[in-house]
Amino acid sequence: GRFTASRDNAKNTVYLEMISLKPEDTAVYYCRLIVRGK
């Protein structure tokens, strides 16, 4: 309800739109890719 993930396959890019941020959202955010078992 607060975060929206999206991707642009043509650009091999993913996005994370974050609204209504709270102090407990403080963190290091990591991107992950799973492809062909790796």
PDB file of all heavy atoms in Angstrom:
ATOM      1  N   GLY A   1       0.796  -1.214   0.000  1.00  0.00           N
ATOM      2  CA  GLY A   1       0.000   0.000   0.000  1.00  0.00           C
ATOM      3  C   GLY A   1       0.830   1.265   0.000  1.00  0.00           C
ATOM      4  O   GLY A   1       0.301   2.362  -0.235  1.00  0.00           O
ATOM      5  N   ARG A   2       2.117   1.149   0.284  1.00  0.00           N
ATOM      6  CA  ARG A   2       2.990   2.339   0.310  1.00  0.00           C
ATOM      7  C   ARG A   2       4.080   2.280  -0.750  1.00  0.00           C
ATOM      8  O   ARG A   2       4.506   3.315  -1.265  1.00  0.00           O
ATOM      9  CB  ARG A   2       3.639   2.486   1.690  1.00  0.00           C
ATOM     10  CG  ARG A   2       2.650   2.654   2.832  1.00  0.00           C
ATOM     11  CD  ARG A   2       3.371   2.974   4.136  1.00  0.00           C
ATOM     12  NE  ARG A   2       4.281   1.899   4.525  1.00  0.00           N
ATOM     13  CZ  ARG A   2       5.598   2.057   4.708  1.00  0.00           C
ATOM     14  NH1 ARG A   2       6.146   3.240   4.516  1.00  0.00           N
ATOM     15  NH2 ARG A   2       6.350   1.031   5.086  1.00  0.00           N
ATOM     16  N   PHE A   3       4.538   1.104  -1.077  1.00  0.00           N
ATOM     17  CA  PHE A   3       5.604   0.928  -2.056  1.00  0.00           C
ATOM     18  C   PHE A   3       5.032   0.308  -3.335  1.00  0.00           C
ATOM     19  O   PHE A   3       4.154  -0.565  -3.267  1.00  0.00           O
ATOM     20  CB  PHE A   3       6.689   0.007  -1.520  1.00  0.00           C
ATOM     21  CG  PHE A   3       7.515   0.581  -0.402  1.00  0.00           C
ATOM     22  CD1 PHE A   3       7.157   1.754   0.239  1.00  0.00           C
ATOM     23  CD2 PHE A   3       8.677  -0.070  -0.006  1.00  0.00           C
ATOM     24  CE1 PHE A   3       7.922   2.274   1.273  1.00  0.00           C
ATOM     25  CE2 PHE A   3       9.464   0.433   1.022  1.00  0.00           C
ATOM     26  CZ  PHE A   3       9.078   1.598   1.665  1.00  0.00           C
ATOM     27  N   THR A   4       5.562   0.761  -4.463  1.00  0.00           N
ATOM     28  CA  THR A   4       5.162   0.204  -5.752  1.00  0.00           C
ATOM     29  C   THR A   4       6.405  -0.157  -6.542  1.00  0.00           C
ATOM     30  O   THR A   4       7.262   0.699  -6.785  1.00  0.00           O
ATOM     31  CB  THR A   4       4.321   1.203  -6.554  1.00  0.00           C
ATOM     32  OG1 THR A   4       3.173   1.578  -5.797  1.00  0.00           O
ATOM     33  CG2 THR A   4       3.875   0.583  -7.876  1.00  0.00           C
ATOM     34  N   ALA A   5       6.499  -1.420  -6.912  1.00  0.00           N
ATOM     35  CA  ALA A   5       7.623  -1.891  -7.719  1.00  0.00           C
ATOM     36  C   ALA A   5       7.202  -1.961  -9.176  1.00  0.00           C
ATOM     37  O   ALA A   5       6.052  -2.294  -9.483  1.00  0.00           O
ATOM     38  CB  ALA A   5       8.073  -3.262  -7.231  1.00  0.00           C
ATOM     39  N   SER A   6       8.127  -1.642 -10.046  1.00  0.00           N
ATOM     40  CA  SER A   6       7.843  -1.730 -11.481  1.00  0.00           C
ATOM     41  C   SER A   6       9.140  -2.065 -12.204  1.00  0.00           C
ATOM     42  O   SER A   6      10.223  -1.983 -11.629  1.00  0.00           O
ATOM     43  CB  SER A   6       7.247  -0.416 -12.001  1.00  0.00           C
ATOM     44  OG  SER A   6       8.148   0.651 -11.817  1.00  0.00           O
ATOM     45  N   ARG A   7       8.999  -2.438 -13.458  1.00  0.00           N
ATOM     46  CA  ARG A   7      10.185  -2.772 -14.228  1.00  0.00           C
ATOM     47  C   ARG A   7      10.007  -2.362 -15.673  1.00  0.00           C
ATOM     48  O   ARG A   7       8.897  -2.359 -16.205  1.00  0.00           O
ATOM     49  CB  ARG A   7      10.538  -4.261 -14.114  1.00  0.00           C
ATOM     50  CG  ARG A   7       9.471  -5.225 -14.584  1.00  0.00           C
ATOM     51  CD  ARG A   7       9.882  -6.669 -14.248  1.00  0.00           C
ATOM     52  NE  ARG A   7      10.980  -7.124 -15.106  1.00  0.00           N
ATOM     53  CZ  ARG A   7      11.693  -8.215 -14.882  1.00  0.00           C
ATOM     54  NH1 ARG A   7      11.438  -8.978 -13.827  1.00  0.00           N
ATOM     55  NH2 ARG A   7      12.643  -8.576 -15.711  1.00  0.00           N
ATOM     56  N   ASP A   8      11.134  -2.023 -16.280  1.00  0.00           N
ATOM     57  CA  ASP A   8      11.179  -1.704 -17.708  1.00  0.00           C
ATOM     58  C   ASP A   8      12.109  -2.733 -18.328  1.00  0.00           C
ATOM     59  O   ASP A   8      13.336  -2.609 -18.250  1.00  0.00           O
ATOM     60  CB  ASP A   8      11.697  -0.271 -17.901  1.00  0.00           C
ATOM     61  CG  ASP A   8      11.684   0.151 -19.360  1.00  0.00           C
ATOM     62  OD1 ASP A   8      11.738  -0.728 -20.245  1.00  0.00           O
ATOM     63  OD2 ASP A   8      11.650   1.351 -19.628  1.00  0.00           O
ATOM     64  N   ASN A   9      11.521  -3.756 -18.928  1.00  0.00           N
ATOM     65  CA  ASN A   9      12.329  -4.854 -19.455  1.00  0.00           C
ATOM     66  C   ASN A   9      13.263  -4.399 -20.579  1.00  0.00           C
ATOM     67  O   ASN A   9      14.363  -4.929 -20.726  1.00  0.00           O
ATOM     68  CB  ASN A   9      11.422  -5.980 -19.950  1.00  0.00           C
ATOM     69  CG  ASN A   9      10.708  -6.682 -18.813  1.00  0.00           C
ATOM     70  OD1 ASN A   9      11.205  -6.757 -17.693  1.00  0.00           O
ATOM     71  ND2 ASN A   9       9.516  -7.195 -19.076  1.00  0.00           N
ATOM     72  N   ALA A  10      12.832  -3.434 -21.341  1.00  0.00           N
ATOM     73  CA  ALA A  10      13.666  -2.952 -22.443  1.00  0.00           C
ATOM     74  C   ALA A  10      14.936  -2.289 -21.929  1.00  0.00           C
ATOM     75  O   ALA A  10      15.969  -2.302 -22.604  1.00  0.00           O
ATOM     76  CB  ALA A  10      12.873  -1.975 -23.298  1.00  0.00           C
ATOM     77  N   LYS A  11      14.851  -1.732 -20.733  1.00  0.00           N
ATOM     78  CA  LYS A  11      16.007  -1.045 -20.150  1.00  0.00           C
ATOM     79  C   LYS A  11      16.683  -1.877 -19.068  1.00  0.00           C
ATOM     80  O   LYS A  11      17.640  -1.402 -18.444  1.00  0.00           O
ATOM     81  CB  LYS A  11      15.562   0.294 -19.546  1.00  0.00           C
ATOM     82  CG  LYS A  11      15.029   1.288 -20.555  1.00  0.00           C
ATOM     83  CD  LYS A  11      14.646   2.596 -19.879  1.00  0.00           C
ATOM     84  CE  LYS A  11      14.131   3.608 -20.891  1.00  0.00           C
ATOM     85  NZ  LYS A  11      13.732   4.889 -20.239  1.00  0.00           N
ATOM     86  N   ASN A  12      16.186  -3.101 -18.842  1.00  0.00           N
ATOM     87  CA  ASN A  12      16.733  -3.952 -17.762  1.00  0.00           C
ATOM     88  C   ASN A  12      16.800  -3.183 -16.449  1.00  0.00           C
ATOM     89  O   ASN A  12      17.782  -3.248 -15.713  1.00  0.00           O
ATOM     90  CB  ASN A  12      18.125  -4.479 -18.132  1.00  0.00           C
ATOM     91  CG  ASN A  12      18.078  -5.509 -19.236  1.00  0.00           C
ATOM     92  OD1 ASN A  12      17.118  -6.274 -19.349  1.00  0.00           O
ATOM     93  ND2 ASN A  12      19.094  -5.534 -20.063  1.00  0.00           N
ATOM     94  N   THR A  13      15.754  -2.470 -16.165  1.00  0.00           N
ATOM     95  CA  THR A  13      15.718  -1.603 -14.989  1.00  0.00           C
ATOM     96  C   THR A  13      14.476  -1.887 -14.166  1.00  0.00           C
ATOM     97  O   THR A  13      13.395  -2.107 -14.717  1.00  0.00           O
ATOM     98  CB  THR A  13      15.724  -0.125 -15.413  1.00  0.00           C
ATOM     99  OG1 THR A  13      16.883   0.146 -16.188  1.00  0.00           O
ATOM    100  CG2 THR A  13      15.724   0.803 -14.193  1.00  0.00           C
ATOM    101  N   VAL A  14      14.651  -1.887 -12.859  1.00  0.00           N
ATOM    102  CA  VAL A  14      13.521  -1.993 -11.951  1.00  0.00           C
ATOM    103  C   VAL A  14      13.491  -0.758 -11.067  1.00  0.00           C
ATOM    104  O   VAL A  14      14.527  -0.131 -10.824  1.00  0.00           O
ATOM    105  CB  VAL A  14      13.567  -3.267 -11.081  1.00  0.00           C
ATOM    106  CG1 VAL A  14      13.419  -4.512 -11.950  1.00  0.00           C
ATOM    107  CG2 VAL A  14      14.843  -3.325 -10.260  1.00  0.00           C
ATOM    108  N   TYR A  15      12.299  -0.431 -10.620  1.00  0.00           N
ATOM    109  CA  TYR A  15      12.105   0.759  -9.809  1.00  0.00           C
ATOM    110  C   TYR A  15      11.349   0.398  -8.533  1.00  0.00           C
ATOM    111  O   TYR A  15      10.623  -0.588  -8.480  1.00  0.00           O
ATOM    112  CB  TYR A  15      11.295   1.801 -10.585  1.00  0.00           C
ATOM    113  CG  TYR A  15      11.882   2.168 -11.913  1.00  0.00           C
ATOM    114  CD1 TYR A  15      11.452   1.545 -13.089  1.00  0.00           C
ATOM    115  CD2 TYR A  15      12.875   3.129 -12.021  1.00  0.00           C
ATOM    116  CE1 TYR A  15      11.990   1.869 -14.324  1.00  0.00           C
ATOM    117  CE2 TYR A  15      13.419   3.475 -13.248  1.00  0.00           C
ATOM    118  CZ  TYR A  15      12.970   2.836 -14.395  1.00  0.00           C
ATOM    119  OH  TYR A  15      13.516   3.171 -15.616  1.00  0.00           O
ATOM    120  N   LEU A  16      11.537   1.226  -7.522  1.00  0.00           N
ATOM    121  CA  LEU A  16      10.758   1.082  -6.303  1.00  0.00           C
ATOM    122  C   LEU A  16      10.303   2.479  -5.897  1.00  0.00           C
ATOM    123  O   LEU A  16      11.103   3.311  -5.468  1.00  0.00           O
ATOM    124  CB  LEU A  16      11.580   0.433  -5.186  1.00  0.00           C
ATOM    125  CG  LEU A  16      10.800   0.117  -3.922  1.00  0.00           C
ATOM    126  CD1 LEU A  16       9.763  -0.987  -4.195  1.00  0.00           C
ATOM    127  CD2 LEU A  16      11.737  -0.315  -2.793  1.00  0.00           C
ATOM    128  N   GLU A  17       9.023   2.724  -6.075  1.00  0.00           N
ATOM    129  CA  GLU A  17       8.428   3.996  -5.686  1.00  0.00           C
ATOM    130  C   GLU A  17       7.945   3.864  -4.245  1.00  0.00           C
ATOM    131  O   GLU A  17       7.123   2.993  -3.940  1.00  0.00           O
ATOM    132  CB  GLU A  17       7.247   4.319  -6.606  1.00  0.00           C
ATOM    133  CG  GLU A  17       6.756   5.745  -6.516  1.00  0.00           C
ATOM    134  CD  GLU A  17       7.644   6.706  -7.305  1.00  0.00           C
ATOM    135  OE1 GLU A  17       8.105   6.353  -8.393  1.00  0.00           O
ATOM    136  OE2 GLU A  17       7.859   7.830  -6.805  1.00  0.00           O
ATOM    137  N   MET A  18       8.456   4.723  -3.368  1.00  0.00           N
ATOM    138  CA  MET A  18       8.137   4.620  -1.951  1.00  0.00           C
ATOM    139  C   MET A  18       7.455   5.910  -1.497  1.00  0.00           C
ATOM    140  O   MET A  18       8.015   7.007  -1.682  1.00  0.00           O
ATOM    141  CB  MET A  18       9.414   4.390  -1.130  1.00  0.00           C
ATOM    142  CG  MET A  18      10.231   3.204  -1.618  1.00  0.00           C
ATOM    143  SD  MET A  18      11.691   2.871  -0.596  1.00  0.00           S
ATOM    144  CE  MET A  18      12.673   4.327  -0.959  1.00  0.00           C
ATOM    145  N   ILE A  19       6.306   5.788  -0.914  1.00  0.00           N
ATOM    146  CA  ILE A  19       5.585   6.958  -0.383  1.00  0.00           C
ATOM    147  C   ILE A  19       5.268   6.708   1.089  1.00  0.00           C
ATOM    148  O   ILE A  19       5.416   5.595   1.587  1.00  0.00           O
ATOM    149  CB  ILE A  19       4.287   7.238  -1.167  1.00  0.00           C
ATOM    150  CG1 ILE A  19       3.293   6.085  -0.993  1.00  0.00           C
ATOM    151  CG2 ILE A  19       4.584   7.480  -2.641  1.00  0.00           C
ATOM    152  CD1 ILE A  19       1.902   6.409  -1.536  1.00  0.00           C
ATOM    153  N   SER A  20       4.824   7.775   1.754  1.00  0.00           N
ATOM    154  CA  SER A  20       4.464   7.686   3.179  1.00  0.00           C
ATOM    155  C   SER A  20       5.566   6.995   3.977  1.00  0.00           C
ATOM    156  O   SER A  20       5.295   6.099   4.787  1.00  0.00           O
ATOM    157  CB  SER A  20       3.127   6.934   3.337  1.00  0.00           C
ATOM    158  OG  SER A  20       2.097   7.576   2.635  1.00  0.00           O
ATOM    159  N   LEU A  21       6.777   7.405   3.747  1.00  0.00           N
ATOM    160  CA  LEU A  21       7.915   6.737   4.392  1.00  0.00           C
ATOM    161  C   LEU A  21       7.893   6.961   5.902  1.00  0.00           C
ATOM    162  O   LEU A  21       7.502   8.019   6.398  1.00  0.00           O
ATOM    163  CB  LEU A  21       9.215   7.239   3.794  1.00  0.00           C
ATOM    164  CG  LEU A  21       9.536   6.647   2.413  1.00  0.00           C
ATOM    165  CD1 LEU A  21      10.578   7.465   1.682  1.00  0.00           C
ATOM    166  CD2 LEU A  21       9.995   5.197   2.554  1.00  0.00           C
ATOM    167  N   LYS A  22       8.331   5.928   6.605  1.00  0.00           N
ATOM    168  CA  LYS A  22       8.369   5.934   8.064  1.00  0.00           C
ATOM    169  C   LYS A  22       9.810   5.737   8.534  1.00  0.00           C
ATOM    170  O   LYS A  22      10.633   5.173   7.804  1.00  0.00           O
ATOM    171  CB  LYS A  22       7.517   4.780   8.602  1.00  0.00           C
ATOM    172  CG  LYS A  22       6.097   4.743   8.085  1.00  0.00           C
ATOM    173  CD  LYS A  22       5.388   3.477   8.559  1.00  0.00           C
ATOM    174  CE  LYS A  22       3.976   3.384   8.013  1.00  0.00           C
ATOM    175  NZ  LYS A  22       3.293   2.140   8.452  1.00  0.00           N
ATOM    176  N   PRO A  23      10.114   6.161   9.737  1.00  0.00           N
ATOM    177  CA  PRO A  23      11.478   5.928  10.242  1.00  0.00           C
ATOM    178  C   PRO A  23      11.886   4.462  10.184  1.00  0.00           C
ATOM    179  O   PRO A  23      13.064   4.160   9.945  1.00  0.00           O
ATOM    180  CB  PRO A  23      11.390   6.428  11.696  1.00  0.00           C
ATOM    181  CG  PRO A  23      10.338   7.479  11.649  1.00  0.00           C
ATOM    182  CD  PRO A  23       9.319   6.982  10.658  1.00  0.00           C
ATOM    183  N   GLU A  24      10.937   3.560  10.352  1.00  0.00           N
ATOM    184  CA  GLU A  24      11.272   2.129  10.307  1.00  0.00           C
ATOM    185  C   GLU A  24      11.572   1.623   8.894  1.00  0.00           C
ATOM    186  O   GLU A  24      11.967   0.468   8.709  1.00  0.00           O
ATOM    187  CB  GLU A  24      10.145   1.282  10.923  1.00  0.00           C
ATOM    188  CG  GLU A  24       8.757   1.570  10.405  1.00  0.00           C
ATOM    189  CD  GLU A  24       7.991   2.549  11.303  1.00  0.00           C
ATOM    190  OE1 GLU A  24       8.597   3.545  11.760  1.00  0.00           O
ATOM    191  OE2 GLU A  24       6.787   2.308  11.517  1.00  0.00           O
ATOM    192  N   ASP A  25      11.407   2.492   7.893  1.00  0.00           N
ATOM    193  CA  ASP A  25      11.821   2.134   6.537  1.00  0.00           C
ATOM    194  C   ASP A  25      13.312   2.399   6.317  1.00  0.00           C
ATOM    195  O   ASP A  25      13.854   2.073   5.251  1.00  0.00           O
ATOM    196  CB  ASP A  25      11.018   2.933   5.502  1.00  0.00           C
ATOM    197  CG  ASP A  25       9.547   2.567   5.495  1.00  0.00           C
ATOM    198  OD1 ASP A  25       9.225   1.368   5.567  1.00  0.00           O
ATOM    199  OD2 ASP A  25       8.706   3.496   5.397  1.00  0.00           O
ATOM    200  N   THR A  26      13.951   3.001   7.296  1.00  0.00           N
ATOM    201  CA  THR A  26      15.389   3.263   7.200  1.00  0.00           C
ATOM    202  C   THR A  26      16.149   1.956   7.043  1.00  0.00           C
ATOM    203  O   THR A  26      16.008   1.035   7.871  1.00  0.00           O
ATOM    204  CB  THR A  26      15.883   4.012   8.449  1.00  0.00           C
ATOM    205  OG1 THR A  26      15.264   5.309   8.477  1.00  0.00           O
ATOM    206  CG2 THR A  26      17.389   4.159   8.431  1.00  0.00           C
ATOM    207  N   ALA A  27      16.951   1.857   5.992  1.00  0.00           N
ATOM    208  CA  ALA A  27      17.666   0.619   5.695  1.00  0.00           C
ATOM    209  C   ALA A  27      18.536   0.829   4.459  1.00  0.00           C
ATOM    210  O   ALA A  27      18.404   1.837   3.754  1.00  0.00           O
ATOM    211  CB  ALA A  27      16.680  -0.526   5.436  1.00  0.00           C
ATOM    212  N   VAL A  28      19.380  -0.138   4.212  1.00  0.00           N
ATOM    213  CA  VAL A  28      20.051  -0.227   2.914  1.00  0.00           C
ATOM    214  C   VAL A  28      19.168  -1.101   2.031  1.00  0.00           C
ATOM    215  O   VAL A  28      18.782  -2.207   2.425  1.00  0.00           O
ATOM    216  CB  VAL A  28      21.455  -0.825   3.040  1.00  0.00           C
ATOM    217  CG1 VAL A  28      22.090  -0.968   1.652  1.00  0.00           C
ATOM    218  CG2 VAL A  28      22.320   0.048   3.935  1.00  0.00           C
ATOM    219  N   TYR A  29      18.833  -0.584   0.876  1.00  0.00           N
ATOM    220  CA  TYR A  29      17.951  -1.287  -0.061  1.00  0.00           C
ATOM    221  C   TYR A  29      18.795  -1.937  -1.158  1.00  0.00           C
ATOM    222  O   TYR A  29      19.614  -1.271  -1.799  1.00  0.00           O
ATOM    223  CB  TYR A  29      16.941  -0.314  -0.650  1.00  0.00           C
ATOM    224  CG  TYR A  29      15.845   0.041   0.322  1.00  0.00           C
ATOM    225  CD1 TYR A  29      16.113   0.850   1.429  1.00  0.00           C
ATOM    226  CD2 TYR A  29      14.554  -0.445   0.164  1.00  0.00           C
ATOM    227  CE1 TYR A  29      15.114   1.152   2.356  1.00  0.00           C
ATOM    228  CE2 TYR A  29      13.555  -0.146   1.066  1.00  0.00           C
ATOM    229  CZ  TYR A  29      13.841   0.658   2.161  1.00  0.00           C
ATOM    230  OH  TYR A  29      12.854   0.962   3.081  1.00  0.00           O
ATOM    231  N   TYR A  30      18.548  -3.227  -1.357  1.00  0.00           N
ATOM    232  CA  TYR A  30      19.321  -4.007  -2.313  1.00  0.00           C
ATOM    233  C   TYR A  30      18.432  -4.485  -3.454  1.00  0.00           C
ATOM    234  O   TYR A  30      17.280  -4.887  -3.245  1.00  0.00           O
ATOM    235  CB  TYR A  30      19.930  -5.229  -1.637  1.00  0.00           C
ATOM    236  CG  TYR A  30      20.930  -4.913  -0.565  1.00  0.00           C
ATOM    237  CD1 TYR A  30      20.538  -4.799   0.764  1.00  0.00           C
ATOM    238  CD2 TYR A  30      22.281  -4.747  -0.876  1.00  0.00           C
ATOM    239  CE1 TYR A  30      21.462  -4.521   1.759  1.00  0.00           C
ATOM    240  CE2 TYR A  30      23.210  -4.471   0.111  1.00  0.00           C
ATOM    241  CZ  TYR A  30      22.796  -4.350   1.423  1.00  0.00           C
ATOM    242  OH  TYR A  30      23.709  -4.072   2.408  1.00  0.00           O
ATOM    243  N   CYS A  31      19.003  -4.488  -4.622  1.00  0.00           N
ATOM    244  CA  CYS A  31      18.358  -5.039  -5.804  1.00  0.00           C
ATOM    245  C   CYS A  31      18.845  -6.485  -5.972  1.00  0.00           C
ATOM    246  O   CYS A  31      20.020  -6.787  -5.734  1.00  0.00           O
ATOM    247  CB  CYS A  31      18.747  -4.195  -7.015  1.00  0.00           C
ATOM    248  SG  CYS A  31      18.078  -4.721  -8.584  1.00  0.00           S
ATOM    249  N   ARG A  32      17.943  -7.356  -6.384  1.00  0.00           N
ATOM    250  CA  ARG A  32      18.273  -8.767  -6.583  1.00  0.00           C
ATOM    251  C   ARG A  32      17.770  -9.218  -7.936  1.00  0.00           C
ATOM    252  O   ARG A  32      16.677  -8.843  -8.373  1.00  0.00           O
ATOM    253  CB  ARG A  32      17.617  -9.612  -5.491  1.00  0.00           C
ATOM    254  CG  ARG A  32      17.915 -11.100  -5.567  1.00  0.00           C
ATOM    255  CD  ARG A  32      17.078 -11.863  -4.555  1.00  0.00           C
ATOM    256  NE  ARG A  32      17.488 -13.252  -4.458  1.00  0.00           N
ATOM    257  CZ  ARG A  32      16.819 -14.166  -3.758  1.00  0.00           C
ATOM    258  NH1 ARG A  32      15.717 -13.831  -3.102  1.00  0.00           N
ATOM    259  NH2 ARG A  32      17.252 -15.412  -3.720  1.00  0.00           N
ATOM    260  N   LEU A  33      18.575 -10.067  -8.593  1.00  0.00           N
ATOM    261  CA  LEU A  33      18.188 -10.666  -9.872  1.00  0.00           C
ATOM    262  C   LEU A  33      18.383 -12.173  -9.782  1.00  0.00           C
ATOM    263  O   LEU A  33      19.452 -12.634  -9.385  1.00  0.00           O
ATOM    264  CB  LEU A  33      19.049 -10.098 -11.008  1.00  0.00           C
ATOM    265  CG  LEU A  33      18.965 -10.831 -12.353  1.00  0.00           C
ATOM    266  CD1 LEU A  33      17.595 -10.655 -12.987  1.00  0.00           C
ATOM    267  CD2 LEU A  33      20.053 -10.341 -13.305  1.00  0.00           C
ATOM    268  N   ILE A  34      17.346 -12.901 -10.141  1.00  0.00           N
ATOM    269  CA  ILE A  34      17.430 -14.354 -10.219  1.00  0.00           C
ATOM    270  C   ILE A  34      17.190 -14.739 -11.665  1.00  0.00           C
ATOM    271  O   ILE A  34      16.129 -14.456 -12.234  1.00  0.00           O
ATOM    272  CB  ILE A  34      16.389 -15.030  -9.318  1.00  0.00           C
ATOM    273  CG1 ILE A  34      16.544 -14.557  -7.871  1.00  0.00           C
ATOM    274  CG2 ILE A  34      16.529 -16.546  -9.399  1.00  0.00           C
ATOM    275  CD1 ILE A  34      15.417 -14.998  -6.972  1.00  0.00           C
ATOM    276  N   VAL A  35      18.192 -15.352 -12.270  1.00  0.00           N
ATOM    277  CA  VAL A  35      18.078 -15.721 -13.682  1.00  0.00           C
ATOM    278  C   VAL A  35      18.824 -17.019 -13.916  1.00  0.00           C
ATOM    279  O   VAL A  35      19.976 -17.180 -13.476  1.00  0.00           O
ATOM    280  CB  VAL A  35      18.601 -14.587 -14.598  1.00  0.00           C
ATOM    281  CG1 VAL A  35      20.039 -14.219 -14.291  1.00  0.00           C
ATOM    282  CG2 VAL A  35      18.417 -14.935 -16.059  1.00  0.00           C
ATOM    283  N   ARG A  36      18.145 -17.949 -14.561  1.00  0.00           N
ATOM    284  CA  ARG A  36      18.727 -19.264 -14.886  1.00  0.00           C
ATOM    285  C   ARG A  36      19.372 -19.907 -13.666  1.00  0.00           C
ATOM    286  O   ARG A  36      20.491 -20.441 -13.750  1.00  0.00           O
ATOM    287  CB  ARG A  36      19.726 -19.139 -16.032  1.00  0.00           C
ATOM    288  CG  ARG A  36      19.032 -18.760 -17.332  1.00  0.00           C
ATOM    289  CD  ARG A  36      19.880 -19.037 -18.524  1.00  0.00           C
ATOM    290  NE  ARG A  36      19.118 -18.877 -19.762  1.00  0.00           N
ATOM    291  CZ  ARG A  36      19.578 -19.174 -20.967  1.00  0.00           C
ATOM    292  NH1 ARG A  36      20.790 -19.642 -21.112  1.00  0.00           N
ATOM    293  NH2 ARG A  36      18.827 -18.989 -22.036  1.00  0.00           N
ATOM    294  N   GLY A  37      18.685 -19.846 -12.547  1.00  0.00           N
ATOM    295  CA  GLY A  37      19.133 -20.513 -11.343  1.00  0.00           C
ATOM    296  C   GLY A  37      20.250 -19.804 -10.596  1.00  0.00           C
ATOM    297  O   GLY A  37      20.742 -20.308  -9.584  1.00  0.00           O
ATOM    298  N   LYS A  38      20.654 -18.643 -11.070  1.00  0.00           N
ATOM    299  CA  LYS A  38      21.722 -17.900 -10.405  1.00  0.00           C
ATOM    300  C   LYS A  38      21.149 -16.640  -9.745  1.00  0.00           C
ATOM    301  O   LYS A  38      20.173 -16.073 -10.208  1.00  0.00           O
ATOM    302  CB  LYS A  38      22.818 -17.529 -11.396  1.00  0.00           C
ATOM    303  CG  LYS A  38      23.558 -18.738 -11.947  1.00  0.00           C
ATOM    304  CD  LYS A  38      24.755 -18.327 -12.782  1.00  0.00           C
ATOM    305  CE  LYS A  38      25.518 -19.554 -13.254  1.00  0.00           C
ATOM    306  NZ  LYS A  38      26.711 -19.184 -14.071  1.00  0.00           N
TER     307      LYS A  38
END
